Amino acid sequence: MRILFVCTGNTCRSPMAEALFSGICPDEMVVFSRGIEVQAPSKASENAIFIMEEMAGLDISFHLSKQLTIADVDSADIIFCMTGFHKQFIDTAFPMAKEKTHILYEFAEGKNKDVSDPYGGDVSAYRHCAGELNRLTVKALYKLNCI
């Protein structure tokens, strides 16, 4: 199974979700992340790198942001978006993926809610977002019957 996480710039939420999900998912799963507005490859934000190490002992310092492509969408079995806007973007740009595209909160907890965006925030904003993502990724794995 191929799991794709999508956010805006692919420097905060989606790489953190990718790392958290990868850390607990079965080995046969492929997990990757992309952004819908990536101008040029960038490293994960400093605070995202710090929080992933602090919270989960995960190293995302190697991450480089990537723009979402049709090949990414086609290859994914399920797509988790951080916000309703991201889902709407994918539904419009890639209508063939509508059935496999979900807002992470909605899939994991049945809530119409966006994952908080820590971009530009301090360490506490990243810590809050990482806590949300940790909870939601575990619940998503349970719903997928993977753990």
C-alpha atoms as a PDB file:
ATOM      1  CA  MET A   1       0.000   0.000   0.000  1.00  0.00           C
ATOM      2  CA  ARG A   2       1.252   3.486  -0.909  1.00  0.00           C
ATOM      3  CA  ILE A   3       0.271   6.333   1.431  1.00  0.00           C
ATOM      4  CA  LEU A   4       0.680   9.981   0.366  1.00  0.00           C
ATOM      5  CA  PHE A   5       0.517  12.944   2.764  1.00  0.00           C
ATOM      6  CA  VAL A   6      -0.152  16.373   1.237  1.00  0.00           C
ATOM      7  CA  CYS A   7       0.194  19.892   2.620  1.00  0.00           C
ATOM      8  CA  THR A   8       1.074  23.269   1.134  1.00  0.00           C
ATOM      9  CA  GLY A   9       4.856  23.610   1.027  1.00  0.00           C
ATOM     10  CA  ASN A  10       5.928  20.087   2.081  1.00  0.00           C
ATOM     11  CA  THR A  11       8.249  21.481   4.763  1.00  0.00           C
ATOM     12  CA  CYS A  12       6.200  21.091   7.976  1.00  0.00           C
ATOM     13  CA  ARG A  13       3.008  19.059   8.314  1.00  0.00           C
ATOM     14  CA  SER A  14       3.295  16.487   5.554  1.00  0.00           C
ATOM     15  CA  PRO A  15       6.950  15.544   6.233  1.00  0.00           C
ATOM     16  CA  MET A  16       6.168  15.230   9.954  1.00  0.00           C
ATOM     17  CA  ALA A  17       3.127  13.046   9.169  1.00  0.00           C
ATOM     18  CA  GLU A  18       5.230  10.981   6.759  1.00  0.00           C
ATOM     19  CA  ALA A  19       7.891  10.398   9.416  1.00  0.00           C
ATOM     20  CA  LEU A  20       5.404   9.555  12.178  1.00  0.00           C
ATOM     21  CA  PHE A  21       3.401   7.194   9.951  1.00  0.00           C
ATOM     22  CA  SER A  22       6.556   5.533   8.578  1.00  0.00           C
ATOM     23  CA  GLY A  23       7.821   4.996  12.104  1.00  0.00           C
ATOM     24  CA  ILE A  24       4.913   2.719  13.016  1.00  0.00           C
ATOM     25  CA  CYS A  25       3.550   1.324   9.748  1.00  0.00           C
ATOM     26  CA  PRO A  26       4.243  -2.185   8.446  1.00  0.00           C
ATOM     27  CA  ASP A  27       7.359  -2.559   6.299  1.00  0.00           C
ATOM     28  CA  GLU A  28       5.389  -3.308   3.141  1.00  0.00           C
ATOM     29  CA  MET A  29       3.817   0.155   3.169  1.00  0.00           C
ATOM     30  CA  VAL A  30       5.410   2.986   1.202  1.00  0.00           C
ATOM     31  CA  VAL A  31       4.853   6.419   2.729  1.00  0.00           C
ATOM     32  CA  PHE A  32       5.708   9.698   1.046  1.00  0.00           C
ATOM     33  CA  SER A  33       4.729  13.365   1.135  1.00  0.00           C
ATOM     34  CA  ARG A  34       4.272  16.223  -1.307  1.00  0.00           C
ATOM     35  CA  GLY A  35       3.143  19.850  -1.386  1.00  0.00           C
ATOM     36  CA  ILE A  36       0.695  21.648  -3.635  1.00  0.00           C
ATOM     37  CA  GLU A  37       2.740  24.891  -3.758  1.00  0.00           C
ATOM     38  CA  VAL A  38       6.418  23.922  -3.796  1.00  0.00           C
ATOM     39  CA  GLN A  39       8.480  26.548  -5.624  1.00  0.00           C
ATOM     40  CA  ALA A  40      11.876  24.899  -5.212  1.00  0.00           C
ATOM     41  CA  PRO A  41      13.133  21.959  -3.146  1.00  0.00           C
ATOM     42  CA  SER A  42      13.581  23.023   0.478  1.00  0.00           C
ATOM     43  CA  LYS A  43      14.622  21.253   3.635  1.00  0.00           C
ATOM     44  CA  ALA A  44      12.071  20.588   6.339  1.00  0.00           C
ATOM     45  CA  SER A  45      11.698  23.595   8.618  1.00  0.00           C
ATOM     46  CA  GLU A  46      14.153  23.824  11.507  1.00  0.00           C
ATOM     47  CA  ASN A  47      11.358  23.524  14.067  1.00  0.00           C
ATOM     48  CA  ALA A  48       9.881  20.460  12.315  1.00  0.00           C
ATOM     49  CA  ILE A  49      13.304  18.791  12.377  1.00  0.00           C
ATOM     50  CA  PHE A  50      13.751  19.674  16.068  1.00  0.00           C
ATOM     51  CA  ILE A  51      10.286  18.499  17.148  1.00  0.00           C
ATOM     52  CA  MET A  52      10.459  15.182  15.288  1.00  0.00           C
ATOM     53  CA  GLU A  53      13.780  14.428  16.989  1.00  0.00           C
ATOM     54  CA  GLU A  54      12.531  15.605  20.404  1.00  0.00           C
ATOM     55  CA  MET A  55       9.139  13.919  20.274  1.00  0.00           C
ATOM     56  CA  ALA A  56       9.791  10.688  18.428  1.00  0.00           C
ATOM     57  CA  GLY A  57      13.525  10.363  17.865  1.00  0.00           C
ATOM     58  CA  LEU A  58      12.924  10.713  14.110  1.00  0.00           C
ATOM     59  CA  ASP A  59      15.395  12.363  11.761  1.00  0.00           C
ATOM     60  CA  ILE A  60      13.771  14.384   8.968  1.00  0.00           C
ATOM     61  CA  SER A  61      16.811  16.592   8.331  1.00  0.00           C
ATOM     62  CA  PHE A  62      17.331  14.811   4.986  1.00  0.00           C
ATOM     63  CA  HIS A  63      13.844  15.738   3.711  1.00  0.00           C
ATOM     64  CA  LEU A  64      13.550  17.864   0.569  1.00  0.00           C
ATOM     65  CA  SER A  65      10.153  19.262  -0.399  1.00  0.00           C
ATOM     66  CA  LYS A  66       8.599  18.065  -3.648  1.00  0.00           C
ATOM     67  CA  GLN A  67       5.713  19.357  -5.751  1.00  0.00           C
ATOM     68  CA  LEU A  68       2.693  17.071  -6.074  1.00  0.00           C
ATOM     69  CA  THR A  69       2.480  15.507  -9.550  1.00  0.00           C
ATOM     70  CA  ILE A  70      -0.013  13.361 -11.401  1.00  0.00           C
ATOM     71  CA  ALA A  71       2.439  10.450 -11.096  1.00  0.00           C
ATOM     72  CA  ASP A  72       2.354  10.831  -7.283  1.00  0.00           C
ATOM     73  CA  VAL A  73      -1.437  10.892  -7.256  1.00  0.00           C
ATOM     74  CA  ASP A  74      -1.686   7.899  -9.596  1.00  0.00           C
ATOM     75  CA  SER A  75       0.783   5.830  -7.581  1.00  0.00           C
ATOM     76  CA  ALA A  76      -0.887   6.467  -4.205  1.00  0.00           C
ATOM     77  CA  ASP A  77      -3.481   4.058  -2.853  1.00  0.00           C
ATOM     78  CA  ILE A  78      -4.671   6.606  -0.325  1.00  0.00           C
ATOM     79  CA  ILE A  79      -4.022  10.346  -0.029  1.00  0.00           C
ATOM     80  CA  PHE A  80      -4.230  12.166   3.295  1.00  0.00           C
ATOM     81  CA  CYS A  81      -4.579  15.959   3.132  1.00  0.00           C
ATOM     82  CA  MET A  82      -3.866  18.299   6.001  1.00  0.00           C
ATOM     83  CA  THR A  83      -6.764  20.647   5.176  1.00  0.00           C
ATOM     84  CA  GLY A  84     -10.030  20.868   3.316  1.00  0.00           C
ATOM     85  CA  PHE A  85      -8.333  23.265   0.906  1.00  0.00           C
ATOM     86  CA  HIS A  86      -5.713  20.646   0.015  1.00  0.00           C
ATOM     87  CA  LYS A  87      -8.447  18.066  -0.619  1.00  0.00           C
ATOM     88  CA  GLN A  88     -10.403  20.535  -2.747  1.00  0.00           C
ATOM     89  CA  PHE A  89      -7.258  21.269  -4.757  1.00  0.00           C
ATOM     90  CA  ILE A  90      -6.654  17.576  -5.436  1.00  0.00           C
ATOM     91  CA  ASP A  91     -10.329  16.913  -6.211  1.00  0.00           C
ATOM     92  CA  THR A  92     -10.212  19.702  -8.815  1.00  0.00           C
ATOM     93  CA  ALA A  93      -6.745  19.096 -10.286  1.00  0.00           C
ATOM     94  CA  PHE A  94      -6.932  15.283 -10.158  1.00  0.00           C
ATOM     95  CA  PRO A  95     -10.633  14.330 -10.211  1.00  0.00           C
ATOM     96  CA  MET A  96      -9.793  10.668 -10.799  1.00  0.00           C
ATOM     97  CA  ALA A  97      -8.328  10.576  -7.263  1.00  0.00           C
ATOM     98  CA  LYS A  98     -11.409  11.886  -5.468  1.00  0.00           C
ATOM     99  CA  GLU A  99     -12.382   8.527  -3.949  1.00  0.00           C
ATOM    100  CA  LYS A 100      -8.953   7.888  -2.436  1.00  0.00           C
ATOM    101  CA  THR A 101      -8.361  11.439  -1.135  1.00  0.00           C
ATOM    102  CA  HIS A 102      -9.245  12.263   2.473  1.00  0.00           C
ATOM    103  CA  ILE A 103      -8.747  15.024   4.991  1.00  0.00           C
ATOM    104  CA  LEU A 104      -6.631  13.365   7.690  1.00  0.00           C
ATOM    105  CA  TYR A 105      -8.840  14.551  10.565  1.00  0.00           C
ATOM    106  CA  GLU A 106     -11.991  13.363   8.797  1.00  0.00           C
ATOM    107  CA  PHE A 107     -10.554   9.927   8.048  1.00  0.00           C
ATOM    108  CA  ALA A 108      -9.014   9.379  11.484  1.00  0.00           C
ATOM    109  CA  GLU A 109     -11.586  10.987  13.779  1.00  0.00           C
ATOM    110  CA  GLY A 110     -14.619  11.810  11.650  1.00  0.00           C
ATOM    111  CA  LYS A 111     -14.106  15.551  12.221  1.00  0.00           C
ATOM    112  CA  ASN A 112     -14.366  18.316   9.636  1.00  0.00           C
ATOM    113  CA  LYS A 113     -11.205  19.985  10.879  1.00  0.00           C
ATOM    114  CA  ASP A 114      -7.818  21.020   9.487  1.00  0.00           C
ATOM    115  CA  VAL A 115      -4.487  20.022  11.000  1.00  0.00           C
ATOM    116  CA  SER A 116      -3.029  23.173  12.569  1.00  0.00           C
ATOM    117  CA  ASP A 117      -0.401  24.889  10.441  1.00  0.00           C
ATOM    118  CA  PRO A 118       2.778  25.643  12.411  1.00  0.00           C
ATOM    119  CA  TYR A 119       4.522  27.398   9.496  1.00  0.00           C
ATOM    120  CA  GLY A 120       6.265  30.507  10.785  1.00  0.00           C
ATOM    121  CA  GLY A 121       5.367  29.639  14.371  1.00  0.00           C
ATOM    122  CA  ASP A 122       7.506  28.910  17.377  1.00  0.00           C
ATOM    123  CA  VAL A 123       8.465  25.518  18.768  1.00  0.00           C
ATOM    124  CA  SER A 124       5.207  25.262  20.729  1.00  0.00           C
ATOM    125  CA  ALA A 125       3.176  25.583  17.501  1.00  0.00           C
ATOM    126  CA  TYR A 126       5.204  22.743  15.984  1.00  0.00           C
ATOM    127  CA  ARG A 127       4.860  20.665  19.150  1.00  0.00           C
ATOM    128  CA  HIS A 128       1.068  21.120  19.046  1.00  0.00           C
ATOM    129  CA  CYS A 129       0.910  20.164  15.357  1.00  0.00           C
ATOM    130  CA  ALA A 130       3.163  17.132  15.890  1.00  0.00           C
ATOM    131  CA  GLY A 131       0.890  15.995  18.726  1.00  0.00           C
ATOM    132  CA  GLU A 132      -2.124  16.205  16.437  1.00  0.00           C
ATOM    133  CA  LEU A 133      -0.305  14.335  13.681  1.00  0.00           C
ATOM    134  CA  ASN A 134       0.903  11.629  16.035  1.00  0.00           C
ATOM    135  CA  ARG A 135      -2.625  10.961  17.283  1.00  0.00           C
ATOM    136  CA  LEU A 136      -4.160  11.101  13.797  1.00  0.00           C
ATOM    137  CA  THR A 137      -1.590   8.869  12.119  1.00  0.00           C
ATOM    138  CA  VAL A 138      -2.014   6.166  14.758  1.00  0.00           C
ATOM    139  CA  LYS A 139      -5.800   6.319  14.352  1.00  0.00           C
ATOM    140  CA  ALA A 140      -5.477   6.207  10.561  1.00  0.00           C
ATOM    141  CA  LEU A 141      -3.298   3.101  10.772  1.00  0.00           C
ATOM    142  CA  TYR A 142      -5.909   1.442  12.991  1.00  0.00           C
ATOM    143  CA  LYS A 143      -8.661   2.323  10.527  1.00  0.00           C
ATOM    144  CA  LEU A 144      -6.580   0.850   7.716  1.00  0.00           C
ATOM    145  CA  ASN A 145      -6.231  -2.338   9.835  1.00  0.00           C
ATOM    146  CA  CYS A 146      -2.441  -2.035   9.794  1.00  0.00           C
ATOM    147  CA  ILE A 147      -1.768  -2.087  13.546  1.00  0.00           C
END
